[in-house]
Every structure is written in C-alpha cells, then in structure tokens.
Amino acid sequence: MHSYHFTKDPLPDSVSNDIQNLNKLNQEQFSSLVEILFQFLTEPRETERFLNQLSDFASANGMSHGPLKNIVKSILLVPNGAMKRSLSAEHVKADLIALGLNEEKAGYFADQWTLHSVALSRLALGQTLMVNQLIDMEWKFGVTVGSSELQKVGNIFLQLKLVVKKGHGTENVYMELTLPQFYNFLHELERAKTSLECFS
C-alpha cells in the first residue's frame, strides 16, 4: 500500500489502473489531454465545454467515452488533492509516478502544475472566501454596569451582528467579544486583508 502526498485516504485500485492507462497515450495525446484538464481546473464553471472537449478528444483518438471519463476522474484527484494541501510540483510528480504514470509523463504534468499553480491557488482562495460571504455587519460597544462577579463590572464588550450569505439565503450570526478578543479579531481581519491584497 502506497502513501501519497495528495491524500491520506486509501485509494481504490481502479485509480492506479486508470492512471497507468495514460501510459498508452503518445506524448502529443497526453499533452493535449493535460491541456484540457488544466483548462477545466482553472475554469471549473465551463463544465459543458470540458465535456465537449473530452468527447472530441475521445473521437479524435479512437477511445471510448466511458473509460476516458474514468481516467479523467482518477487523474483529477491528484491536482484537487494537491491544491488542498499546497503541494509542490515534485510532490505531484512523485504521486503520479507512485500511481504508475511513467517518469516523462509525470514530469510533463508536474511542469504544467507549476505553470498553473498561481491561477489555481487564486481560484482555491476565491472559492474558500465565497463559502460564507459577508454581506453586512453591525456592532455595538457596551460597558458592564452590574454583574454577580465584581471583576466584570466596568468591562468593555462588543456585540457583533454579521449577515452572512449561505446558499441562496442569508443568516444572522451574533457574537459578543471582550475588548482583547475584539483586538485579536481585528488583527486577524487585517492579516486576511493583507493576504488578499497579495493575490489580487
């Protein structure tokens, strides 16, 4: 049983078999298929175009659509896992070789990974940030006037109401923070803003 960089989960034998089937393609066919795969990875909304390109590729190279789709599903596991784990081209190449792809093809795929890694990272970051998009925010400062605990009297707190987009609707999220928690929260927001500016 191999261990891979792109996943910690055990893989079915079919994945390795599908990837080994890529060795049957000549270099021109392989590079053409890899180009189609990376175009889909960088533009994932273009599903219809992707399926049409796969269909054209299968027809042009005398392949059956079913086996080609299985091969594509299996090979896409590697870049998808690699994106989640921010893997280097060397790790991607090592995983593909461990799955049975020959050295030359694994090297070509790794080169394409390096070429597209910035675009893929931006895309992954954008998808992560879109999971719970912040629509609106309200806040109120307050001071604790009375409490059963003497130390809490006079403490400043902040009440936040975040309006977050979830699916097709919105959801209100309420938080109450002490002043030190608020400063930590503000610091994290500033770090996130700085990170986003680096990618834009």
N, C-alpha and C. Protein backbone atom coordinates (compact mmCIF):
# COMPACT_ATOMS: atom_id res chain seq x y z
N MET A 1 0.84 -1.19 0.00
CA MET A 1 0.00 0.00 0.00
C MET A 1 0.88 1.24 0.00
N HIS A 2 0.71 2.09 -1.03
CA HIS A 2 1.49 3.32 -1.16
C HIS A 2 0.90 4.41 -0.27
N SER A 3 1.75 5.33 0.17
CA SER A 3 1.22 6.55 0.80
C SER A 3 1.51 7.69 -0.17
N TYR A 4 0.56 8.60 -0.28
CA TYR A 4 0.65 9.68 -1.25
C TYR A 4 0.65 11.03 -0.53
N HIS A 5 1.15 12.03 -1.22
CA HIS A 5 1.15 13.39 -0.65
C HIS A 5 -0.22 14.04 -0.80
N PHE A 6 -0.94 13.75 -1.90
CA PHE A 6 -2.18 14.46 -2.20
C PHE A 6 -3.38 13.95 -1.41
N THR A 7 -3.26 12.79 -0.78
CA THR A 7 -4.36 12.26 0.02
C THR A 7 -3.82 11.34 1.10
N LYS A 8 -4.54 11.30 2.20
CA LYS A 8 -4.19 10.36 3.27
C LYS A 8 -5.12 9.14 3.22
N ASP A 9 -6.18 9.25 2.41
CA ASP A 9 -7.17 8.16 2.31
C ASP A 9 -6.66 7.06 1.39
N PRO A 10 -7.02 5.81 1.68
CA PRO A 10 -6.64 4.74 0.74
C PRO A 10 -7.40 4.90 -0.58
N LEU A 11 -6.72 4.59 -1.67
CA LEU A 11 -7.34 4.74 -2.98
C LEU A 11 -7.73 3.38 -3.54
N PRO A 12 -8.86 3.31 -4.24
CA PRO A 12 -9.21 2.04 -4.89
C PRO A 12 -8.20 1.72 -6.00
N ASP A 13 -8.03 0.44 -6.30
CA ASP A 13 -7.08 0.01 -7.35
C ASP A 13 -7.41 0.63 -8.70
N SER A 14 -8.70 0.93 -8.92
CA SER A 14 -9.12 1.46 -10.21
C SER A 14 -8.41 2.79 -10.53
N VAL A 15 -8.10 3.58 -9.49
CA VAL A 15 -7.41 4.86 -9.72
C VAL A 15 -6.03 4.61 -10.32
N SER A 16 -5.28 3.71 -9.73
CA SER A 16 -3.95 3.37 -10.23
C SER A 16 -4.04 2.79 -11.64
N ASN A 17 -5.02 1.92 -11.87
CA ASN A 17 -5.21 1.33 -13.21
C ASN A 17 -5.51 2.40 -14.25
N ASP A 18 -6.41 3.35 -13.88
CA ASP A 18 -6.75 4.43 -14.81
C ASP A 18 -5.53 5.26 -15.16
N ILE A 19 -4.73 5.60 -14.16
CA ILE A 19 -3.55 6.44 -14.40
C ILE A 19 -2.50 5.69 -15.22
N GLN A 20 -2.37 4.37 -14.98
CA GLN A 20 -1.44 3.57 -15.79
C GLN A 20 -1.88 3.53 -17.25
N ASN A 21 -3.20 3.60 -17.48
CA ASN A 21 -3.71 3.62 -18.86
C ASN A 21 -3.26 4.86 -19.63
N LEU A 22 -2.91 5.92 -18.90
CA LEU A 22 -2.40 7.13 -19.57
C LEU A 22 -1.06 6.87 -20.26
N ASN A 23 -0.33 5.85 -19.79
CA ASN A 23 0.96 5.50 -20.41
C ASN A 23 0.79 5.02 -21.84
N LYS A 24 -0.44 4.57 -22.20
CA LYS A 24 -0.71 4.09 -23.56
C LYS A 24 -0.81 5.24 -24.55
N LEU A 25 -1.05 6.47 -24.05
CA LEU A 25 -1.15 7.63 -24.94
C LEU A 25 0.25 8.05 -25.36
N ASN A 26 0.37 8.52 -26.61
CA ASN A 26 1.67 9.08 -27.01
C ASN A 26 1.80 10.47 -26.38
N GLN A 27 2.98 11.06 -26.47
CA GLN A 27 3.22 12.33 -25.76
C GLN A 27 2.30 13.45 -26.25
N GLU A 28 2.03 13.47 -27.55
CA GLU A 28 1.15 14.51 -28.11
C GLU A 28 -0.27 14.36 -27.56
N GLN A 29 -0.78 13.12 -27.52
CA GLN A 29 -2.12 12.87 -26.98
C GLN A 29 -2.18 13.24 -25.49
N PHE A 30 -1.13 12.83 -24.77
CA PHE A 30 -1.09 13.10 -23.33
C PHE A 30 -1.07 14.60 -23.05
N SER A 31 -0.22 15.34 -23.78
CA SER A 31 -0.13 16.80 -23.55
C SER A 31 -1.44 17.49 -23.91
N SER A 32 -2.12 17.00 -24.94
CA SER A 32 -3.41 17.55 -25.34
C SER A 32 -4.45 17.32 -24.24
N LEU A 33 -4.46 16.11 -23.66
CA LEU A 33 -5.40 15.79 -22.58
C LEU A 33 -5.09 16.62 -21.33
N VAL A 34 -3.83 16.76 -21.01
CA VAL A 34 -3.42 17.56 -19.83
C VAL A 34 -3.83 19.01 -20.01
N GLU A 35 -3.71 19.54 -21.23
CA GLU A 35 -4.13 20.91 -21.51
C GLU A 35 -5.63 21.07 -21.25
N ILE A 36 -6.43 20.10 -21.69
CA ILE A 36 -7.87 20.12 -21.44
C ILE A 36 -8.15 20.09 -19.93
N LEU A 37 -7.43 19.24 -19.20
CA LEU A 37 -7.63 19.11 -17.74
C LEU A 37 -7.32 20.42 -17.02
N PHE A 38 -6.19 21.04 -17.36
CA PHE A 38 -5.82 22.28 -16.66
C PHE A 38 -6.71 23.44 -17.05
N GLN A 39 -7.22 23.41 -18.29
CA GLN A 39 -8.17 24.46 -18.68
C GLN A 39 -9.44 24.33 -17.83
N PHE A 40 -9.87 23.10 -17.57
CA PHE A 40 -11.05 22.86 -16.73
C PHE A 40 -10.76 23.25 -15.27
N LEU A 41 -9.57 22.89 -14.77
CA LEU A 41 -9.22 23.22 -13.38
C LEU A 41 -9.18 24.72 -13.14
N THR A 42 -8.71 25.48 -14.14
CA THR A 42 -8.65 26.94 -13.97
C THR A 42 -9.97 27.63 -14.30
N GLU A 43 -10.86 26.94 -15.01
CA GLU A 43 -12.19 27.49 -15.32
C GLU A 43 -13.26 26.43 -15.03
N PRO A 44 -13.46 26.11 -13.74
CA PRO A 44 -14.34 24.98 -13.39
C PRO A 44 -15.82 25.17 -13.74
N ARG A 45 -16.22 26.41 -14.02
CA ARG A 45 -17.64 26.63 -14.38
C ARG A 45 -17.95 26.20 -15.81
N GLU A 46 -16.89 26.02 -16.60
CA GLU A 46 -17.05 25.67 -18.02
C GLU A 46 -17.20 24.15 -18.19
N THR A 47 -18.14 23.56 -17.47
CA THR A 47 -18.30 22.10 -17.49
C THR A 47 -18.70 21.58 -18.87
N GLU A 48 -19.63 22.29 -19.51
CA GLU A 48 -20.13 21.83 -20.82
C GLU A 48 -18.99 21.81 -21.85
N ARG A 49 -18.19 22.89 -21.85
CA ARG A 49 -17.05 22.95 -22.78
C ARG A 49 -16.08 21.80 -22.50
N PHE A 50 -15.83 21.55 -21.20
CA PHE A 50 -14.92 20.48 -20.79
C PHE A 50 -15.41 19.12 -21.31
N LEU A 51 -16.69 18.84 -21.13
CA LEU A 51 -17.25 17.56 -21.58
C LEU A 51 -17.19 17.44 -23.10
N ASN A 52 -17.44 18.55 -23.80
CA ASN A 52 -17.34 18.54 -25.26
C ASN A 52 -15.90 18.29 -25.72
N GLN A 53 -14.93 18.92 -25.02
CA GLN A 53 -13.52 18.72 -25.37
C GLN A 53 -13.11 17.26 -25.14
N LEU A 54 -13.60 16.67 -24.04
CA LEU A 54 -13.29 15.25 -23.78
C LEU A 54 -13.89 14.36 -24.85
N SER A 55 -15.11 14.68 -25.24
CA SER A 55 -15.79 13.90 -26.29
C SER A 55 -15.02 14.00 -27.61
N ASP A 56 -14.59 15.22 -27.96
CA ASP A 56 -13.81 15.42 -29.19
C ASP A 56 -12.48 14.67 -29.11
N PHE A 57 -11.83 14.73 -27.92
CA PHE A 57 -10.56 14.05 -27.73
C PHE A 57 -10.72 12.54 -27.92
N ALA A 58 -11.80 11.98 -27.32
CA ALA A 58 -12.06 10.54 -27.44
C ALA A 58 -12.27 10.15 -28.90
N SER A 59 -13.08 10.95 -29.61
CA SER A 59 -13.36 10.65 -31.03
C SER A 59 -12.10 10.75 -31.87
N ALA A 60 -11.31 11.80 -31.65
CA ALA A 60 -10.11 12.02 -32.46
C ALA A 60 -9.06 10.94 -32.23
N ASN A 61 -9.06 10.32 -31.04
CA ASN A 61 -8.03 9.33 -30.71
C ASN A 61 -8.56 7.90 -30.63
N GLY A 62 -9.79 7.70 -31.14
CA GLY A 62 -10.37 6.35 -31.20
C GLY A 62 -10.55 5.71 -29.82
N MET A 63 -10.95 6.52 -28.84
CA MET A 63 -11.15 6.00 -27.48
C MET A 63 -12.63 5.97 -27.15
N SER A 64 -13.01 5.10 -26.23
CA SER A 64 -14.39 5.07 -25.74
C SER A 64 -14.57 6.16 -24.70
N HIS A 65 -15.76 6.75 -24.66
CA HIS A 65 -16.04 7.86 -23.74
C HIS A 65 -16.00 7.41 -22.28
N GLY A 66 -16.58 6.23 -21.99
CA GLY A 66 -16.66 5.74 -20.60
C GLY A 66 -15.29 5.60 -19.93
N PRO A 67 -14.38 4.80 -20.54
CA PRO A 67 -13.05 4.66 -19.95
C PRO A 67 -12.30 5.98 -19.83
N LEU A 68 -12.46 6.88 -20.82
CA LEU A 68 -11.78 8.18 -20.77
C LEU A 68 -12.29 8.99 -19.57
N LYS A 69 -13.61 8.97 -19.34
CA LYS A 69 -14.17 9.70 -18.18
C LYS A 69 -13.61 9.15 -16.88
N ASN A 70 -13.47 7.84 -16.79
CA ASN A 70 -12.90 7.23 -15.58
C ASN A 70 -11.45 7.67 -15.37
N ILE A 71 -10.68 7.69 -16.46
CA ILE A 71 -9.28 8.13 -16.40
C ILE A 71 -9.21 9.58 -15.91
N VAL A 72 -10.07 10.42 -16.47
CA VAL A 72 -10.08 11.84 -16.12
C VAL A 72 -10.47 12.03 -14.65
N LYS A 73 -11.49 11.30 -14.20
CA LYS A 73 -11.89 11.39 -12.78
C LYS A 73 -10.73 11.01 -11.87
N SER A 74 -10.02 9.97 -12.24
CA SER A 74 -8.89 9.50 -11.42
C SER A 74 -7.74 10.50 -11.43
N ILE A 75 -7.38 11.00 -12.61
CA ILE A 75 -6.23 11.93 -12.68
C ILE A 75 -6.56 13.25 -11.98
N LEU A 76 -7.83 13.68 -12.01
CA LEU A 76 -8.22 14.93 -11.35
C LEU A 76 -8.11 14.86 -9.83
N LEU A 77 -8.11 13.64 -9.28
CA LEU A 77 -7.93 13.50 -7.83
C LEU A 77 -6.60 14.10 -7.37
N VAL A 78 -5.58 13.95 -8.22
CA VAL A 78 -4.23 14.41 -7.85
C VAL A 78 -4.17 15.94 -7.74
N PRO A 79 -4.51 16.71 -8.81
CA PRO A 79 -4.44 18.16 -8.65
C PRO A 79 -5.41 18.72 -7.60
N ASN A 80 -6.60 18.11 -7.49
CA ASN A 80 -7.55 18.59 -6.48
C ASN A 80 -7.00 18.40 -5.07
N GLY A 81 -6.41 17.24 -4.81
CA GLY A 81 -5.78 16.99 -3.50
C GLY A 81 -4.56 17.86 -3.30
N ALA A 82 -3.79 18.06 -4.38
CA ALA A 82 -2.58 18.88 -4.31
C ALA A 82 -2.91 20.34 -4.01
N MET A 83 -4.03 20.83 -4.57
CA MET A 83 -4.45 22.21 -4.29
C MET A 83 -4.79 22.37 -2.81
N LYS A 84 -5.53 21.41 -2.27
CA LYS A 84 -5.94 21.49 -0.86
C LYS A 84 -4.74 21.48 0.07
N ARG A 85 -3.68 20.79 -0.35
CA ARG A 85 -2.51 20.64 0.53
C ARG A 85 -1.32 21.51 0.09
N SER A 86 -1.54 22.37 -0.90
CA SER A 86 -0.48 23.27 -1.42
C SER A 86 0.80 22.51 -1.73
N LEU A 87 0.68 21.45 -2.52
CA LEU A 87 1.84 20.61 -2.83
C LEU A 87 2.72 21.22 -3.90
N SER A 88 3.99 20.89 -3.84
CA SER A 88 4.95 21.33 -4.86
C SER A 88 4.84 20.42 -6.08
N ALA A 89 5.46 20.86 -7.17
CA ALA A 89 5.49 20.05 -8.40
C ALA A 89 6.19 18.72 -8.16
N GLU A 90 7.22 18.72 -7.31
CA GLU A 90 7.94 17.47 -7.00
C GLU A 90 7.03 16.44 -6.34
N HIS A 91 6.18 16.92 -5.41
CA HIS A 91 5.23 16.01 -4.75
C HIS A 91 4.20 15.46 -5.74
N VAL A 92 3.72 16.34 -6.62
CA VAL A 92 2.73 15.93 -7.63
C VAL A 92 3.36 14.86 -8.53
N LYS A 93 4.59 15.11 -8.97
CA LYS A 93 5.29 14.16 -9.84
C LYS A 93 5.50 12.82 -9.12
N ALA A 94 5.94 12.88 -7.86
CA ALA A 94 6.18 11.64 -7.08
C ALA A 94 4.90 10.83 -6.92
N ASP A 95 3.78 11.52 -6.67
CA ASP A 95 2.50 10.82 -6.51
C ASP A 95 2.06 10.16 -7.81
N LEU A 96 2.23 10.86 -8.93
CA LEU A 96 1.83 10.29 -10.22
C LEU A 96 2.69 9.07 -10.56
N ILE A 97 3.99 9.15 -10.27
CA ILE A 97 4.88 8.00 -10.52
C ILE A 97 4.46 6.83 -9.61
N ALA A 98 4.13 7.14 -8.35
CA ALA A 98 3.69 6.09 -7.42
C ALA A 98 2.39 5.44 -7.88
N LEU A 99 1.56 6.21 -8.60
CA LEU A 99 0.30 5.67 -9.13
C LEU A 99 0.50 4.91 -10.44
N GLY A 100 1.74 4.94 -10.98
CA GLY A 100 2.02 4.12 -12.16
C GLY A 100 2.24 4.89 -13.44
N LEU A 101 2.22 6.23 -13.38
CA LEU A 101 2.48 7.01 -14.59
C LEU A 101 3.99 7.03 -14.84
N ASN A 102 4.39 6.95 -16.13
CA ASN A 102 5.83 6.92 -16.39
C ASN A 102 6.47 8.27 -16.09
N GLU A 103 7.78 8.27 -15.93
CA GLU A 103 8.54 9.45 -15.47
C GLU A 103 8.37 10.65 -16.40
N GLU A 104 8.41 10.41 -17.71
CA GLU A 104 8.31 11.52 -18.67
C GLU A 104 6.96 12.22 -18.57
N LYS A 105 5.88 11.42 -18.53
CA LYS A 105 4.53 12.00 -18.46
C LYS A 105 4.29 12.67 -17.10
N ALA A 106 4.78 12.05 -16.04
CA ALA A 106 4.63 12.63 -14.70
C ALA A 106 5.38 13.97 -14.64
N GLY A 107 6.56 14.03 -15.27
CA GLY A 107 7.34 15.26 -15.32
C GLY A 107 6.60 16.36 -16.08
N TYR A 108 5.98 15.98 -17.21
CA TYR A 108 5.23 16.95 -18.01
C TYR A 108 4.05 17.50 -17.20
N PHE A 109 3.32 16.59 -16.52
CA PHE A 109 2.17 17.01 -15.70
C PHE A 109 2.64 17.96 -14.59
N ALA A 110 3.76 17.62 -13.95
CA ALA A 110 4.31 18.46 -12.87
C ALA A 110 4.70 19.84 -13.40
N ASP A 111 5.25 19.89 -14.62
CA ASP A 111 5.60 21.19 -15.23
C ASP A 111 4.35 22.03 -15.44
N GLN A 112 3.28 21.39 -15.90
CA GLN A 112 2.02 22.10 -16.10
C GLN A 112 1.44 22.57 -14.76
N TRP A 113 1.64 21.74 -13.72
CA TRP A 113 1.20 22.11 -12.37
C TRP A 113 1.92 23.40 -11.94
N THR A 114 3.23 23.46 -12.16
CA THR A 114 4.00 24.66 -11.81
C THR A 114 3.49 25.87 -12.59
N LEU A 115 3.24 25.67 -13.87
CA LEU A 115 2.78 26.75 -14.75
C LEU A 115 1.44 27.32 -14.30
N HIS A 116 0.54 26.46 -13.83
CA HIS A 116 -0.82 26.89 -13.48
C HIS A 116 -1.05 27.07 -11.97
N SER A 117 -0.03 26.83 -11.16
CA SER A 117 -0.26 26.79 -9.70
C SER A 117 -0.74 28.12 -9.13
N VAL A 118 -0.26 29.26 -9.65
CA VAL A 118 -0.71 30.56 -9.13
C VAL A 118 -2.19 30.77 -9.42
N ALA A 119 -2.61 30.48 -10.66
CA ALA A 119 -4.02 30.63 -11.02
C ALA A 119 -4.90 29.70 -10.19
N LEU A 120 -4.42 28.48 -9.98
CA LEU A 120 -5.19 27.51 -9.19
C LEU A 120 -5.28 27.94 -7.72
N SER A 121 -4.20 28.51 -7.19
CA SER A 121 -4.21 28.99 -5.80
C SER A 121 -5.20 30.14 -5.64
N ARG A 122 -5.18 31.06 -6.59
CA ARG A 122 -6.14 32.17 -6.54
C ARG A 122 -7.57 31.66 -6.58
N LEU A 123 -7.81 30.70 -7.46
CA LEU A 123 -9.15 30.13 -7.60
C LEU A 123 -9.58 29.46 -6.31
N ALA A 124 -8.69 28.66 -5.71
CA ALA A 124 -9.00 27.97 -4.45
C ALA A 124 -9.29 28.98 -3.35
N LEU A 125 -8.50 30.06 -3.29
CA LEU A 125 -8.72 31.10 -2.28
C LEU A 125 -10.07 31.76 -2.50
N GLY A 126 -10.37 32.07 -3.75
CA GLY A 126 -11.66 32.70 -4.06
C GLY A 126 -12.83 31.82 -3.68
N GLN A 127 -12.73 30.51 -3.94
CA GLN A 127 -13.81 29.59 -3.58
C GLN A 127 -13.95 29.49 -2.07
N THR A 128 -12.83 29.50 -1.35
CA THR A 128 -12.87 29.43 0.10
C THR A 128 -13.57 30.65 0.67
N LEU A 129 -13.23 31.82 0.12
CA LEU A 129 -13.82 33.05 0.64
C LEU A 129 -15.29 33.19 0.28
N MET A 130 -15.71 32.54 -0.80
CA MET A 130 -17.11 32.63 -1.21
C MET A 130 -18.01 31.68 -0.43
N VAL A 131 -17.46 30.78 0.36
CA VAL A 131 -18.28 29.81 1.09
C VAL A 131 -19.28 30.55 1.98
N ASN A 132 -18.80 31.49 2.79
CA ASN A 132 -19.67 32.30 3.64
C ASN A 132 -19.34 33.76 3.41
N GLN A 133 -19.96 34.34 2.40
CA GLN A 133 -19.66 35.72 2.04
C GLN A 133 -20.33 36.66 3.03
N LEU A 134 -19.56 37.61 3.56
CA LEU A 134 -20.09 38.59 4.49
C LEU A 134 -20.85 39.66 3.72
N ILE A 135 -22.14 39.84 4.04
CA ILE A 135 -22.99 40.81 3.34
C ILE A 135 -23.03 42.13 4.11
N ASP A 136 -23.22 42.04 5.42
CA ASP A 136 -23.37 43.23 6.24
C ASP A 136 -22.88 42.95 7.65
N MET A 137 -22.58 44.04 8.39
CA MET A 137 -22.11 43.88 9.76
C MET A 137 -22.60 45.06 10.58
N GLU A 138 -23.11 44.77 11.79
CA GLU A 138 -23.49 45.83 12.73
C GLU A 138 -22.76 45.57 14.03
N TRP A 139 -22.43 46.64 14.75
CA TRP A 139 -21.75 46.44 16.03
C TRP A 139 -22.22 47.46 17.06
N LYS A 140 -22.11 47.09 18.32
CA LYS A 140 -22.44 47.98 19.44
C LYS A 140 -21.39 47.75 20.52
N PHE A 141 -20.87 48.86 21.06
CA PHE A 141 -20.00 48.76 22.22
C PHE A 141 -20.86 48.92 23.47
N GLY A 142 -20.42 48.25 24.52
CA GLY A 142 -21.13 48.39 25.79
C GLY A 142 -20.17 48.26 26.96
N VAL A 143 -20.66 48.66 28.13
CA VAL A 143 -19.87 48.55 29.36
C VAL A 143 -20.72 47.78 30.37
N THR A 144 -20.13 46.79 31.00
CA THR A 144 -20.84 46.00 32.01
C THR A 144 -21.01 46.88 33.26
N VAL A 145 -22.29 47.15 33.61
CA VAL A 145 -22.59 48.00 34.76
C VAL A 145 -22.81 47.17 36.01
N GLY A 146 -23.52 46.07 35.86
CA GLY A 146 -23.78 45.22 37.02
C GLY A 146 -23.55 43.76 36.69
N SER A 147 -22.94 43.04 37.60
CA SER A 147 -22.66 41.62 37.41
C SER A 147 -22.47 40.97 38.76
N SER A 148 -22.73 39.67 38.82
CA SER A 148 -22.50 38.95 40.08
C SER A 148 -21.01 38.81 40.37
N GLU A 149 -20.19 39.02 39.34
CA GLU A 149 -18.73 38.95 39.53
C GLU A 149 -18.16 40.37 39.50
N LEU A 150 -17.56 40.76 40.60
CA LEU A 150 -17.05 42.13 40.76
C LEU A 150 -16.04 42.50 39.68
N GLN A 151 -15.20 41.53 39.25
CA GLN A 151 -14.16 41.82 38.26
C GLN A 151 -14.75 42.24 36.92
N LYS A 152 -15.97 41.78 36.61
CA LYS A 152 -16.56 42.05 35.30
C LYS A 152 -17.18 43.44 35.22
N VAL A 153 -17.44 44.08 36.34
CA VAL A 153 -18.04 45.42 36.34
C VAL A 153 -17.05 46.40 35.71
N GLY A 154 -17.55 47.21 34.78
CA GLY A 154 -16.70 48.19 34.11
C GLY A 154 -16.00 47.64 32.88
N ASN A 155 -16.16 46.34 32.57
CA ASN A 155 -15.54 45.75 31.38
C ASN A 155 -16.24 46.23 30.12
N ILE A 156 -15.44 46.51 29.10
CA ILE A 156 -15.98 46.92 27.79
C ILE A 156 -16.18 45.66 26.96
N PHE A 157 -17.32 45.62 26.26
CA PHE A 157 -17.57 44.49 25.36
C PHE A 157 -18.10 45.01 24.04
N LEU A 158 -18.07 44.15 23.03
CA LEU A 158 -18.55 44.50 21.70
C LEU A 158 -19.52 43.42 21.25
N GLN A 159 -20.70 43.85 20.81
CA GLN A 159 -21.68 42.91 20.25
C GLN A 159 -21.65 43.08 18.73
N LEU A 160 -21.46 41.97 18.02
CA LEU A 160 -21.41 41.98 16.56
C LEU A 160 -22.60 41.21 15.99
N LYS A 161 -23.17 41.75 14.94
CA LYS A 161 -24.18 41.02 14.17
C LYS A 161 -23.64 40.94 12.74
N LEU A 162 -23.33 39.73 12.29
CA LEU A 162 -22.82 39.51 10.93
C LEU A 162 -23.95 38.93 10.08
N VAL A 163 -24.17 39.51 8.92
CA VAL A 163 -25.14 38.95 7.96
C VAL A 163 -24.32 38.21 6.91
N VAL A 164 -24.47 36.89 6.88
CA VAL A 164 -23.64 36.02 6.04
C VAL A 164 -24.51 35.38 4.97
N LYS A 165 -23.98 35.35 3.74
CA LYS A 165 -24.70 34.69 2.63
C LYS A 165 -24.42 33.20 2.69
N LYS A 166 -25.48 32.40 2.78
CA LYS A 166 -25.35 30.94 2.79
C LYS A 166 -26.28 30.38 1.74
N GLY A 167 -25.70 29.79 0.71
CA GLY A 167 -26.54 29.24 -0.36
C GLY A 167 -27.30 30.36 -1.04
N HIS A 168 -28.65 30.24 -1.04
CA HIS A 168 -29.49 31.25 -1.70
C HIS A 168 -30.07 32.24 -0.71
N GLY A 169 -29.80 32.07 0.58
CA GLY A 169 -30.34 32.98 1.59
C GLY A 169 -29.25 33.59 2.44
N THR A 170 -29.69 34.33 3.46
CA THR A 170 -28.72 34.93 4.39
C THR A 170 -28.99 34.42 5.79
N GLU A 171 -27.99 34.53 6.63
CA GLU A 171 -28.12 34.08 8.01
C GLU A 171 -27.45 35.10 8.91
N ASN A 172 -28.10 35.41 10.04
CA ASN A 172 -27.52 36.33 11.01
C ASN A 172 -26.66 35.54 11.99
N VAL A 173 -25.45 36.01 12.22
CA VAL A 173 -24.55 35.37 13.18
C VAL A 173 -24.23 36.42 14.25
N TYR A 174 -24.51 36.08 15.50
CA TYR A 174 -24.28 37.02 16.60
C TYR A 174 -23.06 36.61 17.40
N MET A 175 -22.26 37.61 17.80
CA MET A 175 -21.06 37.36 18.60
C MET A 175 -20.94 38.45 19.65
N GLU A 176 -20.42 38.07 20.81
CA GLU A 176 -20.08 39.07 21.82
C GLU A 176 -18.61 38.87 22.18
N LEU A 177 -17.85 39.94 22.09
CA LEU A 177 -16.42 39.86 22.30
C LEU A 177 -15.99 40.82 23.42
N THR A 178 -15.02 40.38 24.21
CA THR A 178 -14.38 41.30 25.15
C THR A 178 -13.45 42.19 24.34
N LEU A 179 -12.94 43.24 24.95
CA LEU A 179 -12.05 44.14 24.23
C LEU A 179 -10.79 43.44 23.70
N PRO A 180 -10.10 42.59 24.51
CA PRO A 180 -8.94 41.86 23.96
C PRO A 180 -9.32 40.93 22.80
N GLN A 181 -10.50 40.27 22.92
CA GLN A 181 -10.95 39.39 21.83
C GLN A 181 -11.21 40.20 20.56
N PHE A 182 -11.78 41.39 20.74
CA PHE A 182 -12.07 42.26 19.60
C PHE A 182 -10.78 42.66 18.89
N TYR A 183 -9.75 43.03 19.69
CA TYR A 183 -8.47 43.42 19.08
C TYR A 183 -7.83 42.24 18.34
N ASN A 184 -7.96 41.03 18.88
CA ASN A 184 -7.46 39.83 18.17
C ASN A 184 -8.22 39.62 16.86
N PHE A 185 -9.55 39.79 16.92
CA PHE A 185 -10.41 39.64 15.75
C PHE A 185 -10.01 40.66 14.68
N LEU A 186 -9.81 41.92 15.10
CA LEU A 186 -9.41 42.99 14.19
C LEU A 186 -8.06 42.68 13.55
N HIS A 187 -7.13 42.17 14.35
CA HIS A 187 -5.80 41.81 13.85
C HIS A 187 -5.91 40.71 12.79
N GLU A 188 -6.77 39.71 13.03
CA GLU A 188 -6.96 38.62 12.05
C GLU A 188 -7.58 39.16 10.75
N LEU A 189 -8.53 40.09 10.87
CA LEU A 189 -9.13 40.68 9.67
C LEU A 189 -8.09 41.45 8.87
N GLU A 190 -7.22 42.18 9.55
CA GLU A 190 -6.16 42.93 8.85
C GLU A 190 -5.19 41.99 8.15
N ARG A 191 -4.86 40.86 8.81
CA ARG A 191 -3.98 39.87 8.17
C ARG A 191 -4.65 39.27 6.94
N ALA A 192 -5.95 38.97 7.04
CA ALA A 192 -6.69 38.42 5.90
C ALA A 192 -6.71 39.42 4.74
N LYS A 193 -6.94 40.71 5.07
CA LYS A 193 -6.96 41.75 4.04
C LYS A 193 -5.60 41.84 3.34
N THR A 194 -4.53 41.79 4.11
CA THR A 194 -3.18 41.84 3.55
C THR A 194 -2.93 40.65 2.62
N SER A 195 -3.37 39.46 3.06
CA SER A 195 -3.19 38.25 2.23
C SER A 195 -3.96 38.38 0.93
N LEU A 196 -5.17 38.90 0.99
CA LEU A 196 -5.98 39.06 -0.22
C LEU A 196 -5.34 40.05 -1.18
N GLU A 197 -4.78 41.12 -0.64
CA GLU A 197 -4.14 42.12 -1.50
C GLU A 197 -2.92 41.56 -2.22
N CYS A 198 -2.26 40.58 -1.58
CA CYS A 198 -1.10 39.93 -2.22
C CYS A 198 -1.52 39.15 -3.45
N PHE A 199 -2.75 38.57 -3.41
CA PHE A 199 -3.21 37.72 -4.51
C PHE A 199 -3.94 38.51 -5.60
N SER A 200 -4.29 39.77 -5.32
CA SER A 200 -5.06 40.50 -6.33
C SER A 200 -4.18 41.41 -7.17
